[in-house]
Amino acid sequence: LTAMTVTIPSAAVCAPRVSHSPRGRLSATRRAVRVRAGDERGETTAQKESREVLDAFFIGKALAETLLERAGGAFADALSEVSRFDAENREQIRAFQDEVIGKAREESQRTKRKDDGMR
């Protein structure tokens, strides 16, 4: 994630708390944290871990958003297909009904003409 800019909390928040010796010098733990500096930016181990956690958070967030967008798109496509199928089905049913009614009218008129001719 080299292209991502992440704000890292200050070293006071990330670094472990250490007690100072009576003379005001840093304890061995604090010096060890400074010696274990992370990468070329001079991050401490705690800062590096914090950055990794933030990177993981943003990756997870981006993954969730992408999955939701794709799922939403797939759902919209499926709903569109169902709606199109429903509209086509209704049109076929209407055309079938019209055909049946048309044949019934024709038969009714033929029968009526036969009855009128017999009288």
Foldseek 3Di string as FASTA:
>chain_A
DVVDDDDFDDCVVQPDDFDAPPVRHGDPSVVVQQVCQDDPVRHGPSRVVRVVVVVVVVVVVVVVVVVVVVVVVVVVVVVVVVVVVVVVVVVVVVVVVVVVVVVVVVVVVVVVVVVVVVD
